[in-house]
Amino acid sequence: MPNSSFSKKVPCPWCEKGEVLGTPETEGAVSMACPKCGRYFIADFTQCKGIKSKAVRRTATENIKTITD
């Protein structure tokens, strides 16, 4: 991925200051904390928009995958 331009930008829906960057080929969605305000949101790269979200506390045994899975 050398010389890739991160042209897709998804702004934080809470503060509009933080953003997530992606390459033009990036699709799908990721959950993350805003680097500016610290609130959680879902960054949808397909539609290039942020969706307000809340943090979800998980238990220790939930959704744990190992390298052998």
C-alpha atoms as a PDB file:
ATOM      1  CA  MET A   1       0.000   0.000   0.000  1.00  0.00           C
ATOM      2  CA  PRO A   2       2.807   2.473  -0.609  1.00  0.00           C
ATOM      3  CA  ASN A   3       1.773   5.806  -2.126  1.00  0.00           C
ATOM      4  CA  SER A   4      -1.891   5.210  -1.209  1.00  0.00           C
ATOM      5  CA  SER A   5      -3.982   8.302  -0.779  1.00  0.00           C
ATOM      6  CA  PHE A   6      -6.415   8.293   2.087  1.00  0.00           C
ATOM      7  CA  SER A   7      -9.156  10.143   0.252  1.00  0.00           C
ATOM      8  CA  LYS A   8     -12.161   8.710   2.121  1.00  0.00           C
ATOM      9  CA  LYS A   9     -12.855  10.690   5.294  1.00  0.00           C
ATOM     10  CA  VAL A  10     -15.572   9.864   7.811  1.00  0.00           C
ATOM     11  CA  PRO A  11     -16.099  12.641  10.388  1.00  0.00           C
ATOM     12  CA  CYS A  12     -17.112  11.996  13.993  1.00  0.00           C
ATOM     13  CA  PRO A  13     -20.888  12.556  14.289  1.00  0.00           C
ATOM     14  CA  TRP A  14     -20.480  13.806  17.885  1.00  0.00           C
ATOM     15  CA  CYS A  15     -17.909  16.585  17.573  1.00  0.00           C
ATOM     16  CA  GLU A  16     -17.306  16.861  13.783  1.00  0.00           C
ATOM     17  CA  LYS A  17     -13.582  17.420  14.549  1.00  0.00           C
ATOM     18  CA  GLY A  18     -12.181  13.884  14.630  1.00  0.00           C
ATOM     19  CA  GLU A  19     -12.176  11.717  11.530  1.00  0.00           C
ATOM     20  CA  VAL A  20     -11.288   8.290  10.216  1.00  0.00           C
ATOM     21  CA  LEU A  21      -9.348   7.977   6.982  1.00  0.00           C
ATOM     22  CA  GLY A  22      -9.572   5.250   4.377  1.00  0.00           C
ATOM     23  CA  THR A  23      -8.237   4.486   0.930  1.00  0.00           C
ATOM     24  CA  PRO A  24     -10.585   4.684  -2.066  1.00  0.00           C
ATOM     25  CA  GLU A  25     -10.925   0.874  -1.973  1.00  0.00           C
ATOM     26  CA  THR A  26     -12.020   0.824   1.702  1.00  0.00           C
ATOM     27  CA  GLU A  27     -15.538  -0.521   2.233  1.00  0.00           C
ATOM     28  CA  GLY A  28     -17.552  -1.692   5.206  1.00  0.00           C
ATOM     29  CA  ALA A  29     -17.835  -0.279   8.697  1.00  0.00           C
ATOM     30  CA  VAL A  30     -15.677  -0.128  11.827  1.00  0.00           C
ATOM     31  CA  SER A  31     -16.482   0.804  15.402  1.00  0.00           C
ATOM     32  CA  MET A  32     -14.058   3.218  17.019  1.00  0.00           C
ATOM     33  CA  ALA A  33     -13.499   5.966  19.546  1.00  0.00           C
ATOM     34  CA  CYS A  34     -13.051   9.492  18.224  1.00  0.00           C
ATOM     35  CA  PRO A  35      -9.438  10.636  18.622  1.00  0.00           C
ATOM     36  CA  LYS A  36     -10.646  14.159  19.532  1.00  0.00           C
ATOM     37  CA  CYS A  37     -13.659  13.794  21.856  1.00  0.00           C
ATOM     38  CA  GLY A  38     -13.313  10.114  22.875  1.00  0.00           C
ATOM     39  CA  ARG A  39     -16.926   9.176  22.112  1.00  0.00           C
ATOM     40  CA  TYR A  40     -17.723   6.002  20.189  1.00  0.00           C
ATOM     41  CA  PHE A  41     -19.143   5.858  16.696  1.00  0.00           C
ATOM     42  CA  ILE A  42     -19.425   3.579  13.700  1.00  0.00           C
ATOM     43  CA  ALA A  43     -17.527   4.734  10.630  1.00  0.00           C
ATOM     44  CA  ASP A  44     -19.332   3.534   7.507  1.00  0.00           C
ATOM     45  CA  PHE A  45     -16.866   3.754   4.615  1.00  0.00           C
ATOM     46  CA  THR A  46     -19.435   2.609   2.049  1.00  0.00           C
ATOM     47  CA  GLN A  47     -21.614   5.693   2.646  1.00  0.00           C
ATOM     48  CA  CYS A  48     -18.789   7.890   4.053  1.00  0.00           C
ATOM     49  CA  LYS A  49     -20.698   8.857   7.179  1.00  0.00           C
ATOM     50  CA  GLY A  50     -20.427   8.402  10.924  1.00  0.00           C
ATOM     51  CA  ILE A  51     -23.184   6.914  13.085  1.00  0.00           C
ATOM     52  CA  LYS A  52     -23.438   7.720  16.800  1.00  0.00           C
ATOM     53  CA  SER A  53     -22.909   4.676  18.993  1.00  0.00           C
ATOM     54  CA  LYS A  54     -22.241   3.619  22.575  1.00  0.00           C
ATOM     55  CA  ALA A  55     -19.495   1.475  24.030  1.00  0.00           C
ATOM     56  CA  VAL A  56     -20.466  -2.142  24.679  1.00  0.00           C
ATOM     57  CA  ARG A  57     -18.905  -3.968  27.598  1.00  0.00           C
ATOM     58  CA  ARG A  58     -18.061  -7.541  26.680  1.00  0.00           C
ATOM     59  CA  THR A  59     -17.495 -10.476  28.969  1.00  0.00           C
ATOM     60  CA  ALA A  60     -14.126 -12.196  29.076  1.00  0.00           C
ATOM     61  CA  THR A  61     -15.287 -15.260  27.131  1.00  0.00           C
ATOM     62  CA  GLU A  62     -17.371 -13.500  24.491  1.00  0.00           C
ATOM     63  CA  ASN A  63     -16.047 -13.285  20.932  1.00  0.00           C
ATOM     64  CA  ILE A  64     -12.511 -14.381  21.765  1.00  0.00           C
ATOM     65  CA  LYS A  65     -10.712 -15.894  18.784  1.00  0.00           C
ATOM     66  CA  THR A  66      -7.290 -17.398  18.700  1.00  0.00           C
ATOM     67  CA  ILE A  67      -4.853 -17.742  15.836  1.00  0.00           C
ATOM     68  CA  THR A  68      -5.815 -21.428  15.468  1.00  0.00           C
ATOM     69  CA  ASP A  69      -9.559 -20.661  15.020  1.00  0.00           C
END
